[in-house]
């Protein structure tokens, strides 16, 4: 009897374990004869097959794919500022009920909070899918976005690094930037170039493509500052953190440590934000760096290809450039505010094809696709760092040295009404100019900005 009793207990224990492993996750049983089907939401069908579909079908020929295009949604969002992309995408997903979701970070958070996503952690454990090849801090950030659960994976990320002119640093016997410099350290380094030349040959330590306001926002983002308090709706520009960011940015421009283009005139188009191959449009806005009059600039990976192209077409010698990790917040020296995740893959919680969907998500984020992506880097980088070791003859450590910051955006769309950012930035540019020209004190300029900005917030909320 005792032996039989132990046997019964053992059998019950095994059955309980098996039920936990397979009962709740029966949808992750192997596909019958390898056959399955999935419905995927993507930018458009041609782009999907070019990016992933063709590769996936080669490896999984018996899994059928139906692609739902969301191109019209993005076109409308670009034309209409009041268009709520998240709400409209929810409507599309409710209508077509895809198995695999293609999301950015803001959309992902909304979907996770509403229980629309499937926890893939058990599937990862079941298949012994390796996560240790991803960049440092990535999986922690993804889990944080899912309130502790892992609903998603991302095969790529975007970030900026410091590009520096090695010859300028050698010529003036100044040590080049290194990884994990604070913004203060970087701007102090930039200021060492302010006195090496003057007039038309003035050399700037840091070239900021988008102006003093952009420099201020970058400094603020590194310190995880928020422009508007999400609970109270109050503008926070008069806080000590924002004042310090404003002071650092305006002092650097005034002292010629940093060059920032003047504010845009009404109707003038911003240049130099992203290089797409049009040298005429982008060369003027970056010429100080490639002409040797700026020692550093903070840019995305595409900037290296811009330097290659401008060298070829202008018949000028190529700059000997290097890269270093972007500046950080001294309180969190291992994190970067520049890291963005714009390509998140998740599985719908009510998908009837979870196993086939998981096979796709697993493949897209696997080492094979990362190896392909590592050979064709332009704007995005593979999150699996082992597959990207050479960047135009330079080591890639600068891109992977820092972990993604948990919260990196200074502007939360949930607390900022449509149209506010553009109006406020116009006020901000004038305020920063008054500080650079020493027409106002820091306290006076910020106090005025706080009052006018708060009035603007309330007016636009009422209009909405």
Protein backbone atom coordinates (compact mmCIF):
# COMPACT_ATOMS: atom_id res chain seq x y z
CA UNK A 1 0.00 0.00 0.00
CA UNK A 2 2.79 2.41 0.91
CA UNK A 3 4.56 1.71 -2.35
CA UNK A 4 1.35 2.15 -4.30
CA UNK A 5 0.63 5.38 -2.41
CA UNK A 6 4.01 6.79 -3.37
CA UNK A 7 3.40 5.80 -6.97
CA UNK A 8 0.05 7.57 -7.01
CA UNK A 9 1.58 10.73 -5.54
CA UNK A 10 4.42 10.62 -8.07
CA UNK A 11 2.01 10.14 -10.97
CA UNK A 12 -0.15 13.01 -9.77
CA UNK A 13 2.92 15.23 -9.46
CA UNK A 14 4.09 14.38 -12.99
CA UNK A 15 0.59 14.93 -14.38
CA UNK A 16 0.46 18.30 -12.63
CA UNK A 17 3.81 19.33 -14.09
CA UNK A 18 2.84 18.15 -17.55
CA UNK A 19 -0.43 20.02 -17.28
CA UNK A 20 1.48 23.17 -16.35
CA UNK A 21 3.90 22.75 -19.24
CA UNK A 22 1.55 21.61 -21.96
CA UNK A 23 -2.05 21.98 -20.83
CA UNK A 24 -2.17 25.77 -20.78
CA UNK A 25 0.22 26.02 -23.72
CA UNK A 26 -1.28 23.37 -25.98
CA UNK A 27 -1.26 25.93 -28.80
CA UNK A 28 2.55 25.65 -28.79
CA UNK A 29 2.53 21.99 -29.66
CA UNK A 30 4.52 21.26 -32.84
CA UNK A 31 2.79 22.12 -36.10
CA UNK A 32 1.18 19.11 -37.73
CA UNK A 33 3.40 18.15 -40.69
CA UNK A 34 5.09 21.54 -40.25
CA UNK A 35 2.06 23.26 -41.77
CA UNK A 36 0.50 26.42 -40.44
CA UNK A 37 -0.70 29.89 -41.29
CA UNK A 38 -0.31 33.39 -39.91
CA UNK A 39 -1.75 36.80 -40.58
CA UNK A 40 0.75 39.67 -40.20
CA UNK A 41 0.26 43.44 -40.02
CA UNK A 42 3.13 45.30 -41.74
CA UNK A 43 3.88 48.53 -43.60
CA UNK A 44 3.04 46.92 -46.94
CA UNK A 45 3.31 43.49 -48.54
CA UNK A 46 6.31 44.17 -50.80
CA UNK A 47 8.30 45.60 -47.92
CA UNK A 48 7.40 42.66 -45.71
CA UNK A 49 8.68 40.06 -48.16
CA UNK A 50 11.80 42.10 -48.86
CA UNK A 51 12.58 42.48 -45.14
CA UNK A 52 11.58 39.08 -43.75
CA UNK A 53 8.99 37.14 -45.71
CA UNK A 54 11.25 35.69 -48.41
CA UNK A 55 13.81 34.51 -45.86
CA UNK A 56 11.14 33.02 -43.60
CA UNK A 57 9.44 31.14 -46.45
CA UNK A 58 12.75 29.59 -47.44
CA UNK A 59 13.05 28.12 -43.95
CA UNK A 60 9.33 27.47 -43.40
CA UNK A 61 7.77 26.74 -46.81
CA UNK A 62 4.65 25.14 -45.30
CA UNK A 63 3.61 28.16 -43.23
CA UNK A 64 1.30 30.39 -45.26
CA UNK A 65 1.43 34.15 -44.67
CA UNK A 66 -1.24 36.76 -45.23
CA UNK A 67 0.05 40.34 -45.02
CA UNK A 68 -2.23 43.21 -43.98
CA UNK A 69 -0.86 46.58 -45.10
CA UNK A 70 -1.04 49.58 -42.78
CA UNK A 71 0.43 52.06 -45.28
CA UNK A 72 -2.77 54.11 -45.44
CA UNK A 73 -2.71 54.66 -41.67
CA UNK A 74 0.82 56.05 -41.71
CA UNK A 75 0.07 58.22 -44.74
CA UNK A 76 -2.90 59.75 -42.94
CA UNK A 77 -0.86 60.25 -39.74
CA UNK A 78 1.75 62.22 -41.70
CA UNK A 79 -0.88 64.46 -43.30
CA UNK A 80 -3.08 65.01 -40.25
CA UNK A 81 -1.49 65.92 -36.91
CA UNK A 82 -4.75 65.23 -35.05
CA UNK A 83 -4.92 61.69 -36.46
CA UNK A 84 -4.60 59.21 -33.58
CA UNK A 85 -2.44 56.45 -35.01
CA UNK A 86 -2.75 54.17 -31.98
CA UNK A 87 -6.55 54.33 -31.93
CA UNK A 88 -6.82 53.80 -35.68
CA UNK A 89 -4.41 50.88 -35.58
CA UNK A 90 -6.47 49.30 -32.82
CA UNK A 91 -9.51 49.54 -35.07
CA UNK A 92 -7.59 47.87 -37.91
CA UNK A 93 -6.40 45.08 -35.63
CA UNK A 94 -9.90 44.52 -34.24
CA UNK A 95 -11.12 44.21 -37.80
CA UNK A 96 -8.49 41.91 -39.32
CA UNK A 97 -7.41 40.03 -36.15
CA UNK A 98 -3.75 39.35 -37.07
CA UNK A 99 -1.61 36.72 -35.38
CA UNK A 100 1.62 38.75 -35.46
CA UNK A 101 1.74 42.44 -34.52
CA UNK A 102 4.36 44.94 -35.71
CA UNK A 103 4.48 47.78 -33.14
CA UNK A 104 6.53 50.72 -31.95
CA UNK A 105 7.13 51.35 -28.23
CA UNK A 106 4.17 53.64 -27.56
CA UNK A 107 1.76 51.30 -29.34
CA UNK A 108 3.21 48.30 -27.57
CA UNK A 109 2.66 49.82 -24.12
CA UNK A 110 -0.97 50.58 -24.91
CA UNK A 111 -1.60 47.06 -26.24
CA UNK A 112 0.15 45.39 -23.30
CA UNK A 113 -1.91 47.34 -20.75
CA UNK A 114 -5.13 46.26 -22.47
CA UNK A 115 -4.23 42.57 -22.42
CA UNK A 116 -3.97 42.29 -26.21
CA UNK A 117 -0.60 40.51 -26.22
CA UNK A 118 0.57 36.97 -25.57
CA UNK A 119 3.28 36.27 -22.99
CA UNK A 120 6.06 34.56 -24.94
CA UNK A 121 8.26 33.68 -21.95
CA UNK A 122 6.89 30.10 -21.63
CA UNK A 123 7.46 29.58 -25.35
CA UNK A 124 11.04 30.82 -24.97
CA UNK A 125 11.63 28.38 -22.12
CA UNK A 126 9.89 25.53 -23.92
CA UNK A 127 12.03 25.94 -27.05
CA UNK A 128 15.18 26.89 -25.10
CA UNK A 129 15.40 30.00 -27.25
CA UNK A 130 18.57 31.89 -26.33
CA UNK A 131 18.25 35.50 -25.18
CA UNK A 132 21.85 36.02 -24.08
CA UNK A 133 22.93 37.18 -27.54
CA UNK A 134 20.91 40.41 -27.37
CA UNK A 135 22.47 43.76 -26.50
CA UNK A 136 22.89 44.57 -22.77
CA UNK A 137 19.75 45.78 -21.05
CA UNK A 138 17.39 45.12 -23.96
CA UNK A 139 15.39 42.24 -22.48
CA UNK A 140 15.13 44.11 -19.15
CA UNK A 141 13.66 47.11 -20.97
CA UNK A 142 11.20 44.94 -22.88
CA UNK A 143 10.06 43.26 -19.66
CA UNK A 144 9.69 46.64 -17.97
CA UNK A 145 7.45 47.79 -20.82
CA UNK A 146 5.28 44.72 -20.20
CA UNK A 147 5.10 45.23 -16.41
CA UNK A 148 7.41 42.31 -15.79
CA UNK A 149 6.17 40.04 -18.57
CA UNK A 150 7.92 39.47 -21.87
CA UNK A 151 5.39 39.96 -24.63
CA UNK A 152 7.74 40.94 -27.44
CA UNK A 153 11.15 40.85 -29.09
CA UNK A 154 12.83 43.35 -31.39
CA UNK A 155 15.45 42.55 -34.02
CA UNK A 156 16.75 46.11 -34.44
CA UNK A 157 17.24 49.42 -32.68
CA UNK A 158 18.17 52.99 -33.52
CA UNK A 159 20.73 55.09 -31.70
CA UNK A 160 23.18 57.98 -32.09
CA UNK A 161 26.89 58.10 -31.37
CA UNK A 162 29.54 60.80 -31.31
CA UNK A 163 31.40 61.11 -34.63
CA UNK A 164 34.72 62.90 -34.22
CA UNK A 165 37.39 64.21 -36.58
CA UNK A 166 40.55 62.38 -35.51
CA UNK A 167 42.84 64.77 -37.40
CA UNK A 168 41.51 67.84 -35.56
CA UNK A 169 42.11 66.21 -32.19
CA UNK A 170 45.63 65.19 -33.18
CA UNK A 171 46.43 68.60 -34.66
CA UNK A 172 45.47 70.46 -31.47
CA UNK A 173 46.75 67.75 -29.11
CA UNK A 174 43.38 67.15 -27.49
CA UNK A 175 42.23 63.72 -26.32
CA UNK A 176 39.23 62.48 -28.37
CA UNK A 177 35.91 61.63 -26.68
CA UNK A 178 35.55 58.35 -24.87
CA UNK A 179 32.57 56.25 -23.90
CA UNK A 180 30.27 57.23 -21.01
CA UNK A 181 31.17 60.94 -20.96
CA UNK A 182 28.58 63.15 -19.27
CA UNK A 183 27.11 66.09 -21.18
CA UNK A 184 29.16 68.46 -19.05
CA UNK A 185 32.36 66.57 -19.86
CA UNK A 186 31.53 66.54 -23.56
CA UNK A 187 30.74 70.27 -23.70
CA UNK A 188 33.88 71.06 -21.69
CA UNK A 189 35.83 69.05 -24.25
CA UNK A 190 34.09 70.91 -27.09
CA UNK A 191 34.99 74.28 -25.53
CA UNK A 192 38.70 73.51 -25.89
CA UNK A 193 38.29 74.08 -29.63
CA UNK A 194 36.63 77.50 -29.29
CA UNK A 195 39.95 79.37 -29.23
CA UNK A 196 41.98 77.45 -31.83
CA UNK A 197 40.74 79.56 -34.78
CA UNK A 198 38.40 82.47 -35.37
CA UNK A 199 36.40 84.25 -38.07
CA UNK A 200 35.55 82.19 -41.14
CA UNK A 201 37.95 79.48 -39.99
CA UNK A 202 36.32 79.15 -36.57
CA UNK A 203 36.48 75.56 -35.34
CA UNK A 204 33.60 74.39 -33.16
CA UNK A 205 33.94 71.52 -30.75
CA UNK A 206 30.41 70.21 -31.31
CA UNK A 207 28.21 70.69 -34.36
CA UNK A 208 24.51 70.48 -33.50
CA UNK A 209 22.57 70.06 -36.74
CA UNK A 210 19.17 71.09 -35.41
CA UNK A 211 19.87 74.13 -33.24
CA UNK A 212 20.18 75.13 -29.59
CA UNK A 213 16.74 73.77 -28.69
CA UNK A 214 17.70 70.32 -29.95
CA UNK A 215 20.88 70.43 -27.87
CA UNK A 216 18.84 71.36 -24.80
CA UNK A 217 16.36 68.52 -25.42
CA UNK A 218 19.21 66.00 -25.80
CA UNK A 219 20.73 67.09 -22.49
CA UNK A 220 17.30 66.88 -20.82
CA UNK A 221 16.60 63.42 -22.26
CA UNK A 222 19.82 62.05 -20.79
CA UNK A 223 18.55 63.12 -17.35
CA UNK A 224 15.11 61.57 -18.04
CA UNK A 225 13.38 64.95 -17.69
CA UNK A 226 9.73 65.29 -18.68
CA UNK A 227 8.39 68.46 -20.27
CA UNK A 228 4.87 68.03 -18.86
CA UNK A 229 3.79 66.23 -15.68
CA UNK A 230 1.43 63.43 -16.72
CA UNK A 231 -0.74 63.64 -13.59
CA UNK A 232 -1.11 67.37 -13.01
CA UNK A 233 -0.71 68.51 -16.61
CA UNK A 234 1.73 71.18 -15.48
CA UNK A 235 4.58 72.39 -17.67
CA UNK A 236 7.89 71.61 -15.92
CA UNK A 237 10.27 73.93 -17.78
CA UNK A 238 10.90 76.03 -14.65
CA UNK A 239 12.38 73.09 -12.71
CA UNK A 240 16.05 72.95 -11.71
CA UNK A 241 16.78 70.12 -14.17
CA UNK A 242 15.40 72.02 -17.16
CA UNK A 243 17.15 75.21 -16.11
CA UNK A 244 20.45 73.35 -16.01
CA UNK A 245 19.86 71.88 -19.47
CA UNK A 246 18.99 75.33 -20.86
CA UNK A 247 22.04 76.89 -19.20
CA UNK A 248 24.42 74.24 -20.58
CA UNK A 249 23.05 74.51 -24.11
CA UNK A 250 23.00 78.32 -24.34
CA UNK A 251 26.39 78.78 -22.67
CA UNK A 252 27.97 76.33 -25.12
CA UNK A 253 26.54 78.12 -28.15
CA UNK A 254 27.49 81.57 -26.83
CA UNK A 255 31.05 80.42 -26.04
CA UNK A 256 31.39 78.83 -29.51
CA UNK A 257 31.97 75.43 -27.97
CA UNK A 258 28.94 74.26 -29.94
CA UNK A 259 27.59 75.51 -33.24
CA UNK A 260 23.82 75.57 -33.56
CA UNK A 261 22.08 76.89 -36.69
CA UNK A 262 19.83 79.93 -36.11
CA UNK A 263 16.08 79.33 -35.59
CA UNK A 264 14.11 78.56 -38.75
CA UNK A 265 12.25 81.38 -40.44
CA UNK A 266 8.53 80.95 -40.98
CA UNK A 267 7.94 78.44 -43.76
CA UNK A 268 11.60 77.38 -43.91
CA UNK A 269 12.25 73.64 -44.08
CA UNK A 270 14.60 71.92 -41.67
CA UNK A 271 17.64 70.33 -43.31
CA UNK A 272 20.13 67.80 -42.12
CA UNK A 273 17.83 65.70 -39.96
CA UNK A 274 18.20 62.44 -41.86
CA UNK A 275 20.31 61.57 -44.85
CA UNK A 276 18.43 59.77 -47.62
CA UNK A 277 20.99 59.99 -50.41
CA UNK A 278 20.21 63.55 -51.57
CA UNK A 279 23.59 65.24 -51.16
CA UNK A 280 22.37 68.69 -52.23
CA UNK A 281 19.75 68.74 -49.49
CA UNK A 282 21.95 67.47 -46.69
CA UNK A 283 25.52 68.51 -47.42
CA UNK A 284 25.05 72.19 -46.54
CA UNK A 285 23.64 71.39 -43.12
CA UNK A 286 26.61 69.13 -42.23
CA UNK A 287 29.40 70.94 -44.04
CA UNK A 288 31.16 72.24 -40.92
CA UNK A 289 32.03 68.68 -39.93
CA UNK A 290 33.17 67.31 -43.28
CA UNK A 291 35.02 70.58 -44.08
CA UNK A 292 37.03 70.21 -40.86
CA UNK A 293 35.47 73.08 -38.90
CA UNK A 294 33.70 70.95 -36.32
CA UNK A 295 35.46 68.39 -34.16
CA UNK A 296 32.39 66.38 -33.16
CA UNK A 297 28.78 65.79 -34.09
CA UNK A 298 26.16 63.39 -32.71
CA UNK A 299 24.51 61.40 -35.46
CA UNK A 300 22.90 58.08 -36.42
CA UNK A 301 24.68 55.28 -38.37
CA UNK A 302 23.63 56.73 -41.75
CA UNK A 303 26.04 59.63 -41.17
CA UNK A 304 29.00 57.38 -41.99
CA UNK A 305 27.51 56.71 -45.42
CA UNK A 306 26.88 60.42 -45.92
CA UNK A 307 30.60 61.06 -45.28
CA UNK A 308 31.50 58.36 -47.79
CA UNK A 309 29.20 59.79 -50.47
CA UNK A 310 30.18 63.43 -49.97
CA UNK A 311 33.85 62.45 -50.21
CA UNK A 312 33.27 60.60 -53.48
CA UNK A 313 31.14 63.24 -55.21
CA UNK A 314 33.00 66.32 -53.98
CA UNK A 315 36.43 64.80 -54.77
CA UNK A 316 37.67 65.82 -51.31
CA UNK A 317 39.89 63.69 -49.04
CA UNK A 318 37.93 61.52 -46.63
CA UNK A 319 37.98 62.59 -43.03
CA UNK A 320 39.68 60.23 -40.62
CA UNK A 321 36.72 59.85 -38.30
CA UNK A 322 36.07 57.79 -35.19
CA UNK A 323 33.02 57.05 -33.06
CA UNK A 324 32.36 57.07 -29.32
CA UNK A 325 29.27 56.33 -27.25
CA UNK A 326 26.82 59.21 -26.77
CA UNK A 327 26.91 61.33 -23.58
CA UNK A 328 25.12 60.07 -20.47
CA UNK A 329 23.50 61.14 -17.23
CA UNK A 330 26.10 60.90 -14.40
CA UNK A 331 23.40 59.34 -12.18
CA UNK A 332 22.96 56.48 -14.69
CA UNK A 333 26.25 56.25 -16.61
CA UNK A 334 25.38 52.89 -18.20
CA UNK A 335 22.22 54.07 -20.00
CA UNK A 336 21.57 55.94 -23.24
CA UNK A 337 18.59 58.17 -24.01
CA UNK A 338 19.22 57.82 -27.74
CA UNK A 339 18.17 54.17 -28.05
CA UNK A 340 14.80 53.77 -29.80
CA UNK A 341 12.87 50.58 -30.48
CA UNK A 342 10.67 51.10 -33.53
CA UNK A 343 10.31 47.48 -34.66
CA UNK A 344 8.68 45.37 -31.96
CA UNK A 345 7.14 41.98 -32.77
CA UNK A 346 4.42 40.49 -30.59
CA UNK A 347 1.71 37.84 -30.82
CA UNK A 348 -1.97 38.60 -30.42
CA UNK A 349 -3.42 37.18 -27.20
CA UNK A 350 -6.44 35.74 -29.02
CA UNK A 351 -4.52 34.31 -31.99
CA UNK A 352 -5.57 30.74 -32.89
CA UNK A 353 -2.18 30.23 -34.58
CA UNK A 354 0.22 30.98 -31.75
CA UNK A 355 2.73 28.25 -32.62
CA UNK A 356 3.09 29.41 -36.23
CA UNK A 357 3.19 33.03 -35.04
CA UNK A 358 5.91 32.18 -32.52
CA UNK A 359 7.94 30.46 -35.24
CA UNK A 360 7.85 33.73 -37.19
CA UNK A 361 8.72 35.98 -34.21
CA UNK A 362 11.49 33.57 -33.23
CA UNK A 363 12.94 33.62 -36.75
CA UNK A 364 12.77 37.40 -37.20
CA UNK A 365 14.68 37.89 -33.95
CA UNK A 366 17.08 35.00 -34.45
CA UNK A 367 20.82 35.00 -35.17
CA UNK A 368 20.33 34.16 -38.86
CA UNK A 369 18.38 37.35 -39.58
CA UNK A 370 20.74 39.34 -37.35
CA UNK A 371 23.65 38.15 -39.48
CA UNK A 372 21.88 39.39 -42.61
CA UNK A 373 21.05 42.72 -40.94
CA UNK A 374 24.64 43.14 -39.75
CA UNK A 375 25.86 43.16 -43.35
CA UNK A 376 23.37 45.83 -44.47
CA UNK A 377 23.43 48.39 -41.64
CA UNK A 378 22.21 51.85 -42.58
CA UNK A 379 19.81 53.44 -40.08
CA UNK A 380 19.00 50.47 -37.82
CA UNK A 381 21.36 48.14 -36.00
CA UNK A 382 20.82 44.46 -35.08
CA UNK A 383 19.96 43.96 -31.42
CA UNK A 384 22.07 40.79 -31.45
CA UNK A 385 25.44 42.50 -31.08
CA UNK A 386 27.51 39.41 -31.95
CA UNK A 387 26.43 39.75 -35.57
CA UNK A 388 27.73 43.29 -36.15
CA UNK A 389 31.45 43.76 -35.52
CA UNK A 390 32.62 46.03 -38.34
CA UNK A 391 31.25 49.49 -39.15
CA UNK A 392 33.05 50.84 -42.21
CA UNK A 393 36.36 49.69 -40.81
CA UNK A 394 35.62 50.77 -37.23
CA UNK A 395 34.73 48.67 -34.20
CA UNK A 396 31.06 48.71 -33.21
CA UNK A 397 31.48 48.85 -29.42
CA UNK A 398 30.24 52.46 -29.28
CA UNK A 399 26.77 51.38 -30.42
CA UNK A 400 26.43 48.66 -27.78
CA UNK A 401 28.32 50.13 -24.81
CA UNK A 402 25.21 51.65 -23.19
CA UNK A 403 21.95 50.04 -22.14
CA UNK A 404 18.62 51.44 -23.34
CA UNK A 405 17.18 53.96 -20.89
CA UNK A 406 13.83 52.88 -19.46
CA UNK A 407 12.19 56.25 -20.23
CA UNK A 408 13.95 58.40 -22.82
CA UNK A 409 11.33 60.72 -24.31
CA UNK A 410 10.91 64.19 -22.78
CA UNK A 411 7.51 64.60 -24.45
CA UNK A 412 4.71 62.18 -23.57
CA UNK A 413 1.96 62.31 -26.18
CA UNK A 414 -0.59 61.27 -23.57
CA UNK A 415 -0.08 64.51 -21.62
CA UNK A 416 0.63 66.87 -24.54
CA UNK A 417 -2.22 67.94 -26.84
CA UNK A 418 -1.74 67.99 -30.64
CA UNK A 419 -0.03 71.12 -31.89
CA UNK A 420 1.59 72.01 -28.57
CA UNK A 421 5.13 70.93 -29.36
CA UNK A 422 5.42 73.05 -32.51
CA UNK A 423 3.99 76.17 -30.83
CA UNK A 424 6.07 75.72 -27.70
CA UNK A 425 9.28 75.17 -29.65
CA UNK A 426 8.76 78.53 -31.35
CA UNK A 427 8.58 80.20 -27.93
CA UNK A 428 11.55 78.15 -26.76
CA UNK A 429 13.76 79.18 -29.70
CA UNK A 430 13.14 82.86 -28.95
CA UNK A 431 13.86 82.32 -25.25
CA UNK A 432 17.12 80.51 -25.96
CA UNK A 433 18.20 83.23 -28.40
CA UNK A 434 17.59 85.87 -25.74
CA UNK A 435 19.88 83.94 -23.39
CA UNK A 436 22.59 83.37 -25.99
CA UNK A 437 22.55 87.12 -26.77
CA UNK A 438 22.46 87.98 -23.05
CA UNK A 439 19.25 89.94 -23.43
CA UNK A 440 17.60 88.15 -20.48
CA UNK A 441 18.67 86.30 -17.37
CA UNK A 442 18.06 82.59 -17.08
CA UNK A 443 15.41 83.03 -14.36
CA UNK A 444 13.51 85.72 -16.29
CA UNK A 445 13.55 83.80 -19.58
CA UNK A 446 12.39 80.57 -17.96
CA UNK A 447 9.69 82.27 -15.88
CA UNK A 448 8.22 83.86 -19.01
CA UNK A 449 8.46 80.56 -20.88
CA UNK A 450 6.66 78.75 -18.04
CA UNK A 451 3.73 81.20 -18.00
CA UNK A 452 3.24 81.37 -21.77
CA UNK A 453 3.78 77.63 -22.21
CA UNK A 454 1.26 76.73 -19.50
CA UNK A 455 -1.34 79.05 -21.03
CA UNK A 456 -0.71 77.40 -24.39
CA UNK A 457 -1.17 73.92 -22.89
CA UNK A 458 -4.50 74.80 -21.32
CA UNK A 459 -5.77 76.54 -24.46
CA UNK A 460 -4.96 73.58 -26.68
CA UNK A 461 -6.49 71.11 -24.20
CA UNK A 462 -9.73 73.08 -24.23
CA UNK A 463 -9.68 73.21 -28.03
CA UNK A 464 -9.14 69.45 -28.20
